[in-house]
Amino acid sequence: MALRKRWLILSFSLSILGFGIGYLVFKQVLIGFIGSLVGQFLAIVDYIDRRSTANKWIEEMLSELHIDIDDFEGALTLERVLEQVNMQTIEVEKNPVRTRGKDVRGFTGGVLESDLDEQQAIRPVSKHDVYADLEQDLTIAEQVKAEADKRYAEHAQQRWEEAERNDPDLIEAGVTRLGDLVTTDYFEKNQDSKAISKLTSDQSSSDEK
């Protein structure tokens, strides 16, 4: 609905703009109508491009969540996706599960007498229900959060690499990564004998505020 509303507004605006430009420049109504048609055509192209981008994003998200696109019967919209999730009528394939640790010694059940007591008996985790019902499929919300975390990590990595490529100190030193600076004479050339005193002075000033 938002895309359609945008298309109607854009189509109306570009039509008026195209007619106005055509009529004012050439002083002919026919040219004005042609300009109006051009404006409508541009609005349609914009709508198709944005709709295609939105559909691609939805398909990628559904694929990541192992959701069958055929369940939507051709009506692939964000509203339908949310509706299917709320009704829980979509089929979710087997997903990674949350598992307990693999320590064979097990969990001690919260005993606090002495963590370093060698005489303390080990209590196998299998005898307790602390982790009962923990090994199960991830919920839809957990899947979405996991996907968001993954995409955020990828975005953060891209920003870090971009920052390294544009860092003037790295460019001057002739290296591509921040960690590679230690293999150069960068720190010897840029050392400051008063760095510690400046740091402590700035910290003291900040604490006083």
N, C-alpha and C. Protein backbone atom coordinates (compact mmCIF):
# COMPACT_ATOMS: atom_id res chain seq x y z
N MET A 1 0.82 -1.20 0.00
CA MET A 1 0.00 0.00 0.00
C MET A 1 0.87 1.26 0.00
N ALA A 2 1.96 1.24 0.73
CA ALA A 2 2.83 2.41 0.79
C ALA A 2 3.45 2.68 -0.58
N LEU A 3 3.89 1.62 -1.27
CA LEU A 3 4.47 1.80 -2.60
C LEU A 3 3.43 2.32 -3.58
N ARG A 4 2.22 1.79 -3.50
CA ARG A 4 1.17 2.23 -4.42
C ARG A 4 0.80 3.70 -4.16
N LYS A 5 0.75 4.07 -2.89
CA LYS A 5 0.44 5.47 -2.56
C LYS A 5 1.54 6.38 -3.07
N ARG A 6 2.80 5.94 -2.90
CA ARG A 6 3.92 6.73 -3.40
C ARG A 6 3.85 6.88 -4.91
N TRP A 7 3.48 5.77 -5.60
CA TRP A 7 3.39 5.82 -7.06
C TRP A 7 2.32 6.80 -7.52
N LEU A 8 1.15 6.80 -6.86
CA LEU A 8 0.07 7.71 -7.23
C LEU A 8 0.49 9.17 -7.05
N ILE A 9 1.12 9.45 -5.92
CA ILE A 9 1.56 10.83 -5.66
C ILE A 9 2.63 11.25 -6.66
N LEU A 10 3.61 10.35 -6.88
CA LEU A 10 4.70 10.67 -7.80
C LEU A 10 4.19 10.81 -9.23
N SER A 11 3.26 9.94 -9.62
CA SER A 11 2.69 10.00 -10.97
C SER A 11 1.95 11.31 -11.18
N PHE A 12 1.16 11.71 -10.21
CA PHE A 12 0.41 12.97 -10.30
C PHE A 12 1.35 14.16 -10.36
N SER A 13 2.37 14.14 -9.50
CA SER A 13 3.31 15.27 -9.44
C SER A 13 4.12 15.40 -10.73
N LEU A 14 4.66 14.26 -11.22
CA LEU A 14 5.46 14.31 -12.44
C LEU A 14 4.62 14.64 -13.66
N SER A 15 3.36 14.21 -13.66
CA SER A 15 2.47 14.54 -14.79
C SER A 15 2.27 16.05 -14.88
N ILE A 16 1.97 16.66 -13.74
CA ILE A 16 1.78 18.11 -13.72
C ILE A 16 3.07 18.82 -14.10
N LEU A 17 4.20 18.34 -13.54
CA LEU A 17 5.49 18.96 -13.85
C LEU A 17 5.83 18.83 -15.33
N GLY A 18 5.61 17.63 -15.89
CA GLY A 18 5.91 17.42 -17.31
C GLY A 18 5.03 18.27 -18.20
N PHE A 19 3.74 18.37 -17.87
CA PHE A 19 2.84 19.20 -18.67
C PHE A 19 3.24 20.67 -18.58
N GLY A 20 3.58 21.11 -17.36
CA GLY A 20 3.96 22.51 -17.19
C GLY A 20 5.21 22.87 -17.97
N ILE A 21 6.23 22.00 -17.88
CA ILE A 21 7.47 22.28 -18.60
C ILE A 21 7.24 22.28 -20.11
N GLY A 22 6.51 21.26 -20.60
CA GLY A 22 6.25 21.17 -22.04
C GLY A 22 5.47 22.35 -22.56
N TYR A 23 4.47 22.78 -21.81
CA TYR A 23 3.62 23.88 -22.28
C TYR A 23 4.33 25.23 -22.19
N LEU A 24 5.05 25.44 -21.06
CA LEU A 24 5.72 26.73 -20.88
C LEU A 24 6.90 26.91 -21.83
N VAL A 25 7.62 25.82 -22.14
CA VAL A 25 8.79 25.93 -23.01
C VAL A 25 8.38 26.04 -24.47
N PHE A 26 7.45 25.16 -24.91
CA PHE A 26 7.10 25.10 -26.34
C PHE A 26 5.79 25.81 -26.67
N LYS A 27 5.04 26.24 -25.65
CA LYS A 27 3.78 26.96 -25.87
C LYS A 27 2.77 26.13 -26.66
N GLN A 28 2.81 24.80 -26.49
CA GLN A 28 1.90 23.91 -27.20
C GLN A 28 1.30 22.92 -26.21
N VAL A 29 -0.04 22.78 -26.30
CA VAL A 29 -0.72 21.86 -25.39
C VAL A 29 -0.31 20.41 -25.66
N LEU A 30 -0.11 20.06 -26.94
CA LEU A 30 0.29 18.70 -27.29
C LEU A 30 1.62 18.32 -26.65
N ILE A 31 2.57 19.24 -26.71
CA ILE A 31 3.87 18.98 -26.08
C ILE A 31 3.70 18.84 -24.57
N GLY A 32 2.76 19.61 -24.02
CA GLY A 32 2.49 19.50 -22.59
C GLY A 32 1.96 18.13 -22.22
N PHE A 33 1.05 17.59 -23.06
CA PHE A 33 0.53 16.25 -22.81
C PHE A 33 1.63 15.19 -22.93
N ILE A 34 2.52 15.38 -23.90
CA ILE A 34 3.65 14.44 -24.04
C ILE A 34 4.53 14.48 -22.80
N GLY A 35 4.78 15.68 -22.30
CA GLY A 35 5.56 15.81 -21.06
C GLY A 35 4.87 15.14 -19.89
N SER A 36 3.54 15.23 -19.86
CA SER A 36 2.77 14.57 -18.80
C SER A 36 2.91 13.06 -18.88
N LEU A 37 2.86 12.52 -20.11
CA LEU A 37 3.03 11.07 -20.29
C LEU A 37 4.42 10.61 -19.88
N VAL A 38 5.42 11.44 -20.20
CA VAL A 38 6.79 11.11 -19.78
C VAL A 38 6.89 11.06 -18.26
N GLY A 39 6.24 12.00 -17.59
CA GLY A 39 6.24 12.00 -16.13
C GLY A 39 5.60 10.75 -15.55
N GLN A 40 4.47 10.32 -16.14
CA GLN A 40 3.82 9.10 -15.69
C GLN A 40 4.69 7.88 -15.93
N PHE A 41 5.38 7.87 -17.07
CA PHE A 41 6.28 6.75 -17.37
C PHE A 41 7.40 6.65 -16.34
N LEU A 42 7.98 7.79 -15.97
CA LEU A 42 9.05 7.79 -14.96
C LEU A 42 8.52 7.30 -13.62
N ALA A 43 7.29 7.66 -13.28
CA ALA A 43 6.69 7.21 -12.02
C ALA A 43 6.50 5.70 -12.03
N ILE A 44 6.08 5.15 -13.18
CA ILE A 44 5.89 3.70 -13.30
C ILE A 44 7.22 2.97 -13.16
N VAL A 45 8.26 3.50 -13.82
CA VAL A 45 9.60 2.89 -13.72
C VAL A 45 10.08 2.88 -12.28
N ASP A 46 9.88 3.98 -11.56
CA ASP A 46 10.27 4.06 -10.15
C ASP A 46 9.51 3.04 -9.31
N TYR A 47 8.21 2.89 -9.57
CA TYR A 47 7.38 1.94 -8.82
C TYR A 47 7.86 0.51 -9.05
N ILE A 48 8.12 0.15 -10.32
CA ILE A 48 8.56 -1.21 -10.64
C ILE A 48 9.90 -1.51 -9.98
N ASP A 49 10.82 -0.54 -10.00
CA ASP A 49 12.14 -0.75 -9.41
C ASP A 49 12.04 -0.95 -7.90
N ARG A 50 11.24 -0.12 -7.23
CA ARG A 50 11.11 -0.24 -5.78
C ARG A 50 10.37 -1.52 -5.39
N ARG A 51 9.38 -1.91 -6.19
CA ARG A 51 8.64 -3.14 -5.90
C ARG A 51 9.56 -4.35 -6.05
N SER A 52 10.40 -4.32 -7.10
CA SER A 52 11.34 -5.43 -7.32
C SER A 52 12.34 -5.53 -6.18
N THR A 53 12.83 -4.38 -5.71
CA THR A 53 13.79 -4.37 -4.60
C THR A 53 13.15 -4.91 -3.33
N ALA A 54 11.90 -4.50 -3.06
CA ALA A 54 11.20 -4.98 -1.86
C ALA A 54 10.95 -6.48 -1.92
N ASN A 55 10.53 -6.98 -3.09
CA ASN A 55 10.28 -8.42 -3.24
C ASN A 55 11.57 -9.22 -3.05
N LYS A 56 12.67 -8.70 -3.58
CA LYS A 56 13.95 -9.40 -3.44
C LYS A 56 14.36 -9.48 -1.98
N TRP A 57 14.16 -8.38 -1.23
CA TRP A 57 14.52 -8.38 0.19
C TRP A 57 13.66 -9.39 0.96
N ILE A 58 12.35 -9.42 0.66
CA ILE A 58 11.45 -10.35 1.34
C ILE A 58 11.83 -11.79 1.03
N GLU A 59 12.15 -12.08 -0.24
CA GLU A 59 12.53 -13.44 -0.63
C GLU A 59 13.81 -13.88 0.07
N GLU A 60 14.79 -12.97 0.18
CA GLU A 60 16.04 -13.30 0.87
C GLU A 60 15.77 -13.59 2.35
N MET A 61 14.92 -12.79 2.99
CA MET A 61 14.61 -13.01 4.40
C MET A 61 13.89 -14.33 4.61
N LEU A 62 12.93 -14.65 3.73
CA LEU A 62 12.21 -15.91 3.84
C LEU A 62 13.15 -17.09 3.64
N SER A 63 14.08 -16.94 2.71
CA SER A 63 15.04 -18.01 2.45
C SER A 63 15.91 -18.26 3.66
N GLU A 64 16.35 -17.16 4.32
CA GLU A 64 17.18 -17.29 5.51
C GLU A 64 16.41 -17.97 6.64
N LEU A 65 15.09 -17.76 6.70
CA LEU A 65 14.27 -18.34 7.76
C LEU A 65 13.71 -19.71 7.37
N HIS A 66 14.11 -20.22 6.19
CA HIS A 66 13.65 -21.54 5.71
C HIS A 66 12.13 -21.57 5.56
N ILE A 67 11.56 -20.51 5.02
CA ILE A 67 10.12 -20.43 4.81
C ILE A 67 9.82 -20.64 3.33
N ASP A 68 8.85 -21.49 3.04
CA ASP A 68 8.48 -21.80 1.66
C ASP A 68 7.69 -20.64 1.06
N ILE A 69 8.23 -20.05 -0.01
CA ILE A 69 7.59 -18.91 -0.66
C ILE A 69 6.26 -19.31 -1.29
N ASP A 70 6.12 -20.57 -1.70
CA ASP A 70 4.88 -21.02 -2.35
C ASP A 70 3.66 -20.92 -1.43
N ASP A 71 3.89 -20.84 -0.12
CA ASP A 71 2.77 -20.74 0.81
C ASP A 71 2.00 -19.43 0.65
N PHE A 72 2.61 -18.46 -0.01
CA PHE A 72 1.97 -17.15 -0.13
C PHE A 72 1.15 -17.01 -1.41
N GLU A 73 1.12 -18.03 -2.25
CA GLU A 73 0.25 -18.08 -3.43
C GLU A 73 0.39 -16.83 -4.30
N GLY A 74 1.61 -16.39 -4.50
CA GLY A 74 1.87 -15.26 -5.40
C GLY A 74 1.71 -13.90 -4.77
N ALA A 75 1.04 -13.80 -3.63
CA ALA A 75 0.83 -12.50 -2.96
C ALA A 75 1.95 -12.27 -1.96
N LEU A 76 3.14 -11.99 -2.46
CA LEU A 76 4.31 -11.87 -1.61
C LEU A 76 4.44 -10.42 -1.13
N THR A 77 3.87 -10.13 0.02
CA THR A 77 3.95 -8.80 0.62
C THR A 77 4.37 -8.95 2.08
N LEU A 78 4.89 -7.85 2.63
CA LEU A 78 5.32 -7.87 4.02
C LEU A 78 4.15 -8.15 4.95
N GLU A 79 2.97 -7.63 4.60
CA GLU A 79 1.79 -7.87 5.44
C GLU A 79 1.44 -9.35 5.47
N ARG A 80 1.52 -10.03 4.31
CA ARG A 80 1.22 -11.46 4.26
C ARG A 80 2.24 -12.26 5.05
N VAL A 81 3.51 -11.85 4.99
CA VAL A 81 4.55 -12.55 5.74
C VAL A 81 4.27 -12.48 7.23
N LEU A 82 3.96 -11.28 7.73
CA LEU A 82 3.66 -11.12 9.16
C LEU A 82 2.41 -11.89 9.55
N GLU A 83 1.43 -11.92 8.66
CA GLU A 83 0.20 -12.66 8.94
C GLU A 83 0.47 -14.15 9.06
N GLN A 84 1.29 -14.69 8.15
CA GLN A 84 1.61 -16.11 8.20
C GLN A 84 2.39 -16.45 9.46
N VAL A 85 3.30 -15.57 9.85
CA VAL A 85 4.08 -15.82 11.07
C VAL A 85 3.18 -15.83 12.29
N ASN A 86 2.28 -14.86 12.38
CA ASN A 86 1.37 -14.78 13.53
C ASN A 86 0.43 -15.98 13.61
N MET A 87 0.00 -16.48 12.46
CA MET A 87 -0.91 -17.62 12.45
C MET A 87 -0.16 -18.95 12.60
N GLN A 88 1.18 -18.88 12.48
CA GLN A 88 2.02 -20.07 12.62
C GLN A 88 1.58 -21.18 11.66
N THR A 89 1.35 -20.78 10.41
CA THR A 89 0.95 -21.76 9.40
C THR A 89 2.06 -22.06 8.41
N ILE A 90 3.25 -21.52 8.68
CA ILE A 90 4.37 -21.77 7.79
C ILE A 90 5.18 -22.94 8.30
N GLU A 91 5.82 -23.65 7.39
CA GLU A 91 6.65 -24.79 7.75
C GLU A 91 8.08 -24.31 7.93
N VAL A 92 8.62 -24.61 9.09
CA VAL A 92 9.99 -24.23 9.39
C VAL A 92 10.83 -25.49 9.42
N GLU A 93 11.88 -25.53 8.62
CA GLU A 93 12.74 -26.70 8.57
C GLU A 93 13.56 -26.79 9.86
N LYS A 94 14.31 -27.87 9.96
CA LYS A 94 15.13 -28.09 11.15
C LYS A 94 16.17 -26.99 11.27
N ASN A 95 16.28 -26.37 12.42
CA ASN A 95 17.20 -25.25 12.62
C ASN A 95 18.25 -25.62 13.67
N PRO A 96 19.33 -24.82 13.73
CA PRO A 96 20.33 -25.06 14.77
C PRO A 96 19.69 -25.01 16.15
N VAL A 97 20.13 -25.87 17.03
CA VAL A 97 19.54 -25.94 18.37
C VAL A 97 20.51 -25.39 19.39
N ARG A 98 19.95 -25.01 20.53
CA ARG A 98 20.76 -24.53 21.64
C ARG A 98 21.18 -25.74 22.47
N THR A 99 22.44 -25.91 22.70
CA THR A 99 22.93 -27.09 23.41
C THR A 99 23.74 -26.68 24.63
N ARG A 100 23.76 -27.56 25.59
CA ARG A 100 24.57 -27.32 26.79
C ARG A 100 26.04 -27.55 26.46
N GLY A 101 26.88 -27.18 27.38
CA GLY A 101 28.31 -27.37 27.20
C GLY A 101 28.70 -28.84 27.17
N LYS A 102 29.89 -29.12 26.68
CA LYS A 102 30.35 -30.51 26.51
C LYS A 102 31.29 -30.96 27.63
N ASP A 103 31.36 -30.19 28.71
CA ASP A 103 32.24 -30.55 29.81
C ASP A 103 31.75 -31.83 30.47
N VAL A 104 32.56 -32.90 30.42
CA VAL A 104 32.14 -34.21 30.95
C VAL A 104 31.99 -34.18 32.46
N ARG A 105 32.60 -33.21 33.11
CA ARG A 105 32.50 -33.16 34.57
C ARG A 105 31.14 -32.66 35.02
N GLY A 106 30.45 -31.96 34.13
CA GLY A 106 29.09 -31.54 34.44
C GLY A 106 29.01 -30.31 35.32
N PHE A 107 27.78 -29.93 35.60
CA PHE A 107 27.48 -28.74 36.38
C PHE A 107 27.32 -29.13 37.85
N THR A 108 27.85 -28.33 38.77
CA THR A 108 27.85 -28.69 40.19
C THR A 108 26.57 -28.31 40.91
N GLY A 109 25.62 -27.69 40.22
CA GLY A 109 24.33 -27.39 40.85
C GLY A 109 24.33 -26.20 41.76
N GLY A 110 25.30 -25.29 41.64
CA GLY A 110 25.29 -24.06 42.42
C GLY A 110 25.91 -24.17 43.79
N VAL A 111 26.74 -25.17 44.06
CA VAL A 111 27.41 -25.30 45.35
C VAL A 111 28.45 -24.20 45.49
N LEU A 112 28.42 -23.46 46.60
CA LEU A 112 29.27 -22.29 46.74
C LEU A 112 30.30 -22.40 47.86
N GLU A 113 30.45 -23.60 48.48
CA GLU A 113 31.37 -23.71 49.62
C GLU A 113 32.79 -23.34 49.21
N SER A 114 33.29 -23.95 48.17
CA SER A 114 34.65 -23.67 47.73
C SER A 114 34.81 -24.15 46.29
N ASP A 115 35.05 -23.21 45.40
CA ASP A 115 35.21 -23.57 43.99
C ASP A 115 36.48 -24.38 43.74
N LEU A 116 37.47 -24.27 44.67
CA LEU A 116 38.76 -24.93 44.47
C LEU A 116 38.95 -26.13 45.39
N ASP A 117 37.90 -26.58 46.04
CA ASP A 117 38.01 -27.71 46.95
C ASP A 117 38.15 -29.00 46.16
N GLU A 118 39.31 -29.66 46.26
CA GLU A 118 39.56 -30.90 45.52
C GLU A 118 38.71 -32.05 46.03
N GLN A 119 38.22 -31.97 47.27
CA GLN A 119 37.43 -33.05 47.83
C GLN A 119 35.94 -32.94 47.47
N GLN A 120 35.56 -31.86 46.84
CA GLN A 120 34.15 -31.66 46.51
C GLN A 120 33.72 -32.64 45.43
N ALA A 121 32.64 -33.34 45.68
CA ALA A 121 32.17 -34.35 44.73
C ALA A 121 31.57 -33.68 43.49
N ILE A 122 31.81 -34.31 42.35
CA ILE A 122 31.26 -33.81 41.09
C ILE A 122 29.84 -34.32 40.93
N ARG A 123 28.94 -33.44 40.53
CA ARG A 123 27.55 -33.81 40.31
C ARG A 123 27.25 -33.76 38.82
N PRO A 124 27.11 -34.89 38.16
CA PRO A 124 26.85 -34.90 36.71
C PRO A 124 25.58 -34.13 36.38
N VAL A 125 25.63 -33.38 35.31
CA VAL A 125 24.49 -32.57 34.92
C VAL A 125 23.28 -33.43 34.55
N SER A 126 23.53 -34.67 34.15
CA SER A 126 22.43 -35.55 33.76
C SER A 126 21.49 -35.85 34.92
N LYS A 127 21.93 -35.63 36.16
CA LYS A 127 21.09 -35.90 37.32
C LYS A 127 20.24 -34.69 37.73
N HIS A 128 20.36 -33.59 37.00
CA HIS A 128 19.61 -32.39 37.34
C HIS A 128 18.79 -31.95 36.13
N ASP A 129 17.78 -31.14 36.38
CA ASP A 129 16.92 -30.66 35.30
C ASP A 129 17.17 -29.19 34.97
N VAL A 130 18.39 -28.72 35.26
CA VAL A 130 18.70 -27.32 35.01
C VAL A 130 18.57 -26.97 33.54
N TYR A 131 18.96 -27.91 32.67
CA TYR A 131 18.93 -27.66 31.22
C TYR A 131 17.78 -28.39 30.53
N ALA A 132 16.75 -28.75 31.28
CA ALA A 132 15.63 -29.48 30.69
C ALA A 132 14.93 -28.64 29.63
N ASP A 133 14.55 -29.28 28.52
CA ASP A 133 13.81 -28.66 27.42
C ASP A 133 14.57 -27.52 26.75
N LEU A 134 15.88 -27.51 26.91
CA LEU A 134 16.67 -26.45 26.28
C LEU A 134 17.00 -26.77 24.84
N GLU A 135 17.10 -28.06 24.51
CA GLU A 135 17.46 -28.48 23.16
C GLU A 135 16.20 -28.58 22.30
N GLN A 136 15.88 -27.49 21.63
CA GLN A 136 14.71 -27.47 20.77
C GLN A 136 14.94 -26.47 19.65
N ASP A 137 14.03 -26.46 18.67
CA ASP A 137 14.17 -25.55 17.53
C ASP A 137 14.07 -24.10 17.98
N LEU A 138 14.77 -23.24 17.28
CA LEU A 138 14.67 -21.82 17.55
C LEU A 138 13.29 -21.31 17.13
N THR A 139 12.79 -20.36 17.89
CA THR A 139 11.50 -19.77 17.54
C THR A 139 11.69 -18.78 16.39
N ILE A 140 10.56 -18.32 15.81
CA ILE A 140 10.63 -17.34 14.73
C ILE A 140 11.36 -16.08 15.18
N ALA A 141 11.04 -15.60 16.37
CA ALA A 141 11.67 -14.39 16.89
C ALA A 141 13.18 -14.58 17.04
N GLU A 142 13.58 -15.76 17.52
CA GLU A 142 15.01 -16.04 17.69
C GLU A 142 15.71 -16.15 16.35
N GLN A 143 15.03 -16.70 15.34
CA GLN A 143 15.61 -16.78 14.01
C GLN A 143 15.82 -15.38 13.42
N VAL A 144 14.81 -14.52 13.59
CA VAL A 144 14.92 -13.16 13.07
C VAL A 144 16.06 -12.42 13.76
N LYS A 145 16.17 -12.59 15.10
CA LYS A 145 17.25 -11.93 15.84
C LYS A 145 18.61 -12.45 15.39
N ALA A 146 18.72 -13.76 15.18
CA ALA A 146 19.98 -14.34 14.73
C ALA A 146 20.37 -13.79 13.36
N GLU A 147 19.39 -13.67 12.47
CA GLU A 147 19.65 -13.12 11.14
C GLU A 147 20.06 -11.66 11.24
N ALA A 148 19.40 -10.90 12.11
CA ALA A 148 19.75 -9.49 12.29
C ALA A 148 21.16 -9.34 12.85
N ASP A 149 21.52 -10.19 13.82
CA ASP A 149 22.87 -10.17 14.38
C ASP A 149 23.91 -10.48 13.31
N LYS A 150 23.60 -11.45 12.45
CA LYS A 150 24.53 -11.83 11.39
C LYS A 150 24.75 -10.68 10.42
N ARG A 151 23.65 -10.03 10.01
CA ARG A 151 23.77 -8.92 9.06
C ARG A 151 24.47 -7.73 9.69
N TYR A 152 24.21 -7.49 10.99
CA TYR A 152 24.89 -6.38 11.67
C TYR A 152 26.39 -6.64 11.75
N ALA A 153 26.77 -7.89 12.02
CA ALA A 153 28.19 -8.23 12.09
C ALA A 153 28.86 -8.03 10.73
N GLU A 154 28.17 -8.44 9.66
CA GLU A 154 28.73 -8.25 8.32
C GLU A 154 28.89 -6.77 8.00
N HIS A 155 27.88 -5.98 8.39
CA HIS A 155 27.94 -4.53 8.14
C HIS A 155 29.06 -3.89 8.94
N ALA A 156 29.22 -4.31 10.20
CA ALA A 156 30.29 -3.76 11.04
C ALA A 156 31.66 -4.11 10.48
N GLN A 157 31.81 -5.34 9.94
CA GLN A 157 33.07 -5.74 9.35
C GLN A 157 33.38 -4.90 8.11
N GLN A 158 32.37 -4.63 7.31
CA GLN A 158 32.57 -3.80 6.11
C GLN A 158 32.98 -2.38 6.49
N ARG A 159 32.35 -1.83 7.54
CA ARG A 159 32.71 -0.49 7.99
C ARG A 159 34.14 -0.45 8.53
N TRP A 160 34.53 -1.51 9.24
CA TRP A 160 35.90 -1.57 9.77
C TRP A 160 36.91 -1.62 8.63
N GLU A 161 36.66 -2.46 7.62
CA GLU A 161 37.57 -2.57 6.49
C GLU A 161 37.64 -1.26 5.71
N GLU A 162 36.50 -0.59 5.58
CA GLU A 162 36.47 0.71 4.89
C GLU A 162 37.28 1.75 5.66
N ALA A 163 37.16 1.71 7.00
CA ALA A 163 37.91 2.65 7.84
C ALA A 163 39.41 2.40 7.72
N GLU A 164 39.81 1.13 7.65
CA GLU A 164 41.22 0.80 7.49
C GLU A 164 41.75 1.28 6.14
N ARG A 165 40.93 1.12 5.09
CA ARG A 165 41.38 1.55 3.76
C ARG A 165 41.58 3.06 3.68
N ASN A 166 40.80 3.82 4.46
CA ASN A 166 40.87 5.28 4.40
C ASN A 166 41.67 5.90 5.54
N ASP A 167 42.29 5.08 6.37
CA ASP A 167 43.05 5.61 7.50
C ASP A 167 44.35 6.23 7.00
N PRO A 168 44.57 7.52 7.25
CA PRO A 168 45.79 8.17 6.74
C PRO A 168 47.07 7.59 7.33
N ASP A 169 47.03 7.15 8.60
CA ASP A 169 48.23 6.59 9.21
C ASP A 169 48.62 5.27 8.55
N LEU A 170 47.63 4.43 8.23
CA LEU A 170 47.93 3.16 7.56
C LEU A 170 48.45 3.41 6.15
N ILE A 171 47.85 4.38 5.47
CA ILE A 171 48.30 4.70 4.11
C ILE A 171 49.73 5.21 4.14
N GLU A 172 50.03 6.07 5.11
CA GLU A 172 51.39 6.62 5.22
C GLU A 172 52.41 5.53 5.54
N ALA A 173 52.01 4.58 6.40
CA ALA A 173 52.93 3.50 6.78
C ALA A 173 53.04 2.44 5.70
N GLY A 174 52.15 2.45 4.72
CA GLY A 174 52.21 1.48 3.64
C GLY A 174 51.68 0.11 4.00
N VAL A 175 50.75 0.05 4.96
CA VAL A 175 50.14 -1.22 5.36
C VAL A 175 48.63 -1.12 5.15
N THR A 176 47.97 -2.27 5.14
CA THR A 176 46.53 -2.29 4.89
C THR A 176 45.71 -2.57 6.13
N ARG A 177 46.33 -3.11 7.19
CA ARG A 177 45.58 -3.45 8.40
C ARG A 177 46.18 -2.75 9.60
N LEU A 178 45.32 -2.44 10.56
CA LEU A 178 45.76 -1.72 11.75
C LEU A 178 46.81 -2.51 12.52
N GLY A 179 46.62 -3.83 12.61
CA GLY A 179 47.58 -4.66 13.35
C GLY A 179 48.95 -4.71 12.73
N ASP A 180 49.04 -4.39 11.43
CA ASP A 180 50.33 -4.44 10.75
C ASP A 180 51.23 -3.26 11.11
N LEU A 181 50.67 -2.26 11.82
CA LEU A 181 51.49 -1.10 12.20
C LEU A 181 52.64 -1.49 13.12
N VAL A 182 52.45 -2.56 13.91
CA VAL A 182 53.50 -2.96 14.85
C VAL A 182 54.73 -3.48 14.13
N THR A 183 54.60 -3.86 12.88
CA THR A 183 55.75 -4.35 12.11
C THR A 183 56.51 -3.22 11.44
N THR A 184 56.03 -2.00 11.60
CA THR A 184 56.70 -0.84 10.99
C THR A 184 57.32 0.02 12.09
N ASP A 185 57.93 1.12 11.67
CA ASP A 185 58.52 2.05 12.64
C ASP A 185 57.58 3.19 12.96
N TYR A 186 56.28 2.96 12.77
CA TYR A 186 55.29 4.03 12.97
C TYR A 186 55.31 4.54 14.41
N PHE A 187 55.32 3.62 15.38
CA PHE A 187 55.24 4.03 16.78
C PHE A 187 56.53 4.70 17.24
N GLU A 188 57.67 4.31 16.66
CA GLU A 188 58.92 4.98 17.00
C GLU A 188 58.93 6.42 16.48
N LYS A 189 58.39 6.61 15.29
CA LYS A 189 58.37 7.95 14.71
C LYS A 189 57.35 8.86 15.40
N ASN A 190 56.28 8.26 15.92
CA ASN A 190 55.20 9.06 16.49
C ASN A 190 55.09 8.92 18.00
N GLN A 191 56.15 8.50 18.66
CA GLN A 191 56.08 8.33 20.10
C GLN A 191 56.02 9.69 20.80
N ASP A 192 55.35 9.70 21.94
CA ASP A 192 55.19 10.92 22.74
C ASP A 192 55.56 10.58 24.17
N SER A 193 56.63 11.16 24.64
CA SER A 193 57.12 10.85 25.99
C SER A 193 56.15 11.33 27.07
N LYS A 194 55.25 12.23 26.72
CA LYS A 194 54.30 12.76 27.70
C LYS A 194 52.91 12.16 27.53
N ALA A 195 52.80 11.07 26.80
CA ALA A 195 51.49 10.50 26.51
C ALA A 195 50.78 10.04 27.79
N ILE A 196 51.52 9.40 28.70
CA ILE A 196 50.91 8.89 29.94
C ILE A 196 50.42 10.03 30.81
N SER A 197 51.24 11.06 30.95
CA SER A 197 50.85 12.20 31.79
C SER A 197 49.64 12.93 31.20
N LYS A 198 49.59 13.02 29.87
CA LYS A 198 48.43 13.65 29.23
C LYS A 198 47.17 12.84 29.46
N LEU A 199 47.32 11.52 29.38
CA LEU A 199 46.17 10.64 29.58
C LEU A 199 45.62 10.75 30.99
N THR A 200 46.51 10.70 31.97
CA THR A 200 46.07 10.79 33.37
C THR A 200 45.50 12.17 33.67
N SER A 201 46.07 13.21 33.05
CA SER A 201 45.56 14.56 33.26
C SER A 201 44.16 14.72 32.68
N ASP A 202 43.95 14.18 31.48
CA ASP A 202 42.62 14.24 30.87
C ASP A 202 41.60 13.46 31.68
N GLN A 203 42.04 12.31 32.23
CA GLN A 203 41.13 11.49 33.02
C GLN A 203 40.76 12.20 34.32
N SER A 204 41.73 12.88 34.93
CA SER A 204 41.45 13.61 36.17
C SER A 204 40.48 14.75 35.92
N SER A 205 40.67 15.44 34.80
CA SER A 205 39.77 16.55 34.45
C SER A 205 38.36 16.05 34.21
N SER A 206 38.27 14.88 33.59
CA SER A 206 36.95 14.30 33.31
C SER A 206 36.26 13.88 34.59
N ASP A 207 37.02 13.33 35.55
CA ASP A 207 36.43 12.91 36.82
C ASP A 207 35.94 14.10 37.63
N GLU A 208 36.65 15.22 37.55
CA GLU A 208 36.25 16.41 38.30
C GLU A 208 34.94 16.98 37.80
N LYS A 209 34.69 16.84 36.48
CA LYS A 209 33.44 17.34 35.90
C LYS A 209 32.27 16.49 36.35
